[in-house]
């Protein structure tokens, strides 16, 4: 599965790319608001990133037919609320993303 990654944290982006590749996915690391889905059905976004604006990003991804998995730290309630308000399809804590990323992605196939 092609997965768009919107991640400006170098540590997270490296970890996510490696995990996705290790499970047979094709990660596409991107910055900014996309103009096309590039064949991806799911995007992973970091709600703590300064740019792009999560509300704009989620809206555009949905317009492109891409499901959104948004993540933030377990103590970052405001960011989780932002993801919920933005309309993310799934929310995950950073630790859930670390330990359950394949299962989280698989859950989109069951929707």
Protein backbone atom coordinates (compact mmCIF):
# COMPACT_ATOMS: atom_id res chain seq x y z
CA UNK A 1 0.00 0.00 0.00
CA UNK A 2 1.23 3.50 -0.80
CA UNK A 3 1.22 5.70 2.29
CA UNK A 4 1.67 9.47 2.27
CA UNK A 5 3.72 10.70 5.25
CA UNK A 6 3.49 14.27 6.44
CA UNK A 7 6.21 14.37 9.05
CA UNK A 8 8.72 17.16 9.69
CA UNK A 9 10.47 15.42 12.59
CA UNK A 10 13.56 13.66 11.23
CA UNK A 11 13.53 10.95 13.91
CA UNK A 12 9.86 10.14 13.33
CA UNK A 13 10.11 10.25 9.55
CA UNK A 14 13.06 7.84 9.50
CA UNK A 15 11.32 5.46 11.90
CA UNK A 16 8.04 5.54 9.99
CA UNK A 17 9.67 5.06 6.59
CA UNK A 18 11.67 2.09 7.89
CA UNK A 19 8.64 0.48 9.57
CA UNK A 20 6.43 0.95 6.53
CA UNK A 21 9.02 -0.50 4.15
CA UNK A 22 9.62 -3.40 6.52
CA UNK A 23 5.94 -4.31 6.28
CA UNK A 24 5.81 -4.10 2.49
CA UNK A 25 4.31 -0.61 2.17
CA UNK A 26 5.57 2.20 -0.03
CA UNK A 27 6.05 5.36 2.05
CA UNK A 28 5.97 8.72 0.27
CA UNK A 29 7.39 11.45 2.52
CA UNK A 30 5.83 14.79 1.60
CA UNK A 31 5.67 18.38 2.84
CA UNK A 32 2.88 20.84 2.22
CA UNK A 33 -0.66 20.39 0.95
CA UNK A 34 -0.74 17.78 -1.83
CA UNK A 35 -2.40 18.34 -5.20
CA UNK A 36 -2.87 14.63 -5.89
CA UNK A 37 -3.04 11.35 -3.96
CA UNK A 38 -0.14 9.74 -5.87
CA UNK A 39 -2.05 6.47 -5.62
CA UNK A 40 -2.01 6.46 -1.81
CA UNK A 41 -5.10 5.36 0.07
CA UNK A 42 -3.83 6.38 3.52
CA UNK A 43 -1.84 9.30 4.92
CA UNK A 44 -0.08 9.55 8.27
CA UNK A 45 0.17 13.08 9.66
CA UNK A 46 1.89 14.48 12.73
CA UNK A 47 -0.48 16.85 14.48
CA UNK A 48 2.49 18.51 16.16
CA UNK A 49 4.03 19.66 12.89
CA UNK A 50 4.13 23.40 12.37
CA UNK A 51 3.14 23.13 8.73
CA UNK A 52 0.92 22.36 6.94
CA UNK A 53 -2.17 23.24 8.95
CA UNK A 54 -3.81 19.93 9.99
CA UNK A 55 -7.35 21.11 9.19
CA UNK A 56 -6.37 22.14 5.67
CA UNK A 57 -4.32 19.00 5.16
CA UNK A 58 -7.04 16.60 6.33
CA UNK A 59 -9.67 18.38 4.22
CA UNK A 60 -7.50 18.17 1.09
CA UNK A 61 -6.60 14.52 1.70
CA UNK A 62 -10.28 13.63 2.10
CA UNK A 63 -11.04 15.55 -1.10
CA UNK A 64 -8.43 13.34 -2.81
CA UNK A 65 -10.00 10.17 -1.37
CA UNK A 66 -7.20 9.51 1.12
CA UNK A 67 -7.94 8.28 4.66
CA UNK A 68 -6.03 10.02 7.46
CA UNK A 69 -4.24 8.56 10.48
CA UNK A 70 -3.18 11.47 12.70
CA UNK A 71 -0.82 11.18 15.66
CA UNK A 72 0.42 13.17 18.65
CA UNK A 73 1.86 12.53 22.08
CA UNK A 74 -0.42 10.89 24.65
CA UNK A 75 -0.32 14.03 26.81
CA UNK A 76 -1.02 16.38 23.92
CA UNK A 77 -4.79 16.52 24.40
CA UNK A 78 -5.11 19.78 22.47
CA UNK A 79 -3.46 18.22 19.43
CA UNK A 80 -5.67 15.13 19.65
CA UNK A 81 -8.69 17.43 19.87
CA UNK A 82 -7.37 19.29 16.81
CA UNK A 83 -7.11 16.01 14.89
CA UNK A 84 -10.65 15.08 15.89
CA UNK A 85 -11.95 18.52 14.87
CA UNK A 86 -10.04 18.32 11.58
CA UNK A 87 -11.85 15.08 10.76
CA UNK A 88 -8.98 12.60 10.90
CA UNK A 89 -10.27 9.07 10.28
CA UNK A 90 -8.13 7.63 13.08
CA UNK A 91 -6.15 9.15 15.94
CA UNK A 92 -3.17 7.45 17.55
CA UNK A 93 -0.68 8.33 20.22
CA UNK A 94 2.97 8.34 19.24
CA UNK A 95 3.53 5.09 21.15
CA UNK A 96 0.59 3.43 19.35
CA UNK A 97 2.10 4.53 16.06
CA UNK A 98 5.45 3.06 17.10
CA UNK A 99 4.14 -0.32 18.21
CA UNK A 100 0.92 -0.77 16.21
CA UNK A 101 1.46 0.96 12.86
CA UNK A 102 0.85 -2.15 10.69
CA UNK A 103 -2.39 -2.96 12.54
CA UNK A 104 -3.53 0.66 12.35
CA UNK A 105 -2.98 0.68 8.58
CA UNK A 106 -4.68 -2.71 8.19
CA UNK A 107 -7.73 -1.32 9.98
CA UNK A 108 -8.33 1.04 7.05
CA UNK A 109 -8.78 -1.96 4.78
CA UNK A 110 -11.60 -3.18 7.01
CA UNK A 111 -13.61 0.05 6.78
